[in-house]
Amino acid sequence: MARSVSVPRQAAYVAYQSFPDDCDAFDFSNSIEDLRSALMAAFPSVCEADRWASREDRIIASNQHADFGVSEYGGLVSIWVISNEGTPLAAAWVDQVEVKFRAAVAGCFGQDLRKQGSFSNGESFFQPVNGQQQGSMGLGFSSREGWL
């Protein structure tokens, strides 16, 4: 059975990205720090965090209203934001941040992707946000196979 990158059920927004083609030279830890810095610059009330929301979902920044996190599987990254209170104020704050969130996280780990769907076996498939296909067949990105 295939699977895809984890995303918390309560995620309000999710951005997907793929690692660069040259994964050997890619430093995931530095990209986490770059992402955290971008989030803290976009949202002045956000502070550094380092805890796990679940076994595969890592919270890297938060404020009193939301947690921002990242999950990785097989070269595919999901970056997400979740409301952390369940109060109307937290929900309203999260509802307002989508544009700034997407701008802050763009390209932090590699090419920005848009999820197109999932197969019945759990494998997800993605298209580049910029429309420029990669891979030998130009079919997009698969959570199992990478660029096709």
Foldseek 3Di string as FASTA:
>chain_A
DDAFWDDDPQFPDKWKFFADPPVVPADVVVLLVLLQVLVCVLPVQKDADFDAPDPFWTFGIDHQFKTWTWGDAPRMIMTTIGGDPPDPVSVVVVVPCPVSSCVSNAQSRHFIWDWDAADPVHKTFTATPVRDADDPVSPGQIRPPGGD
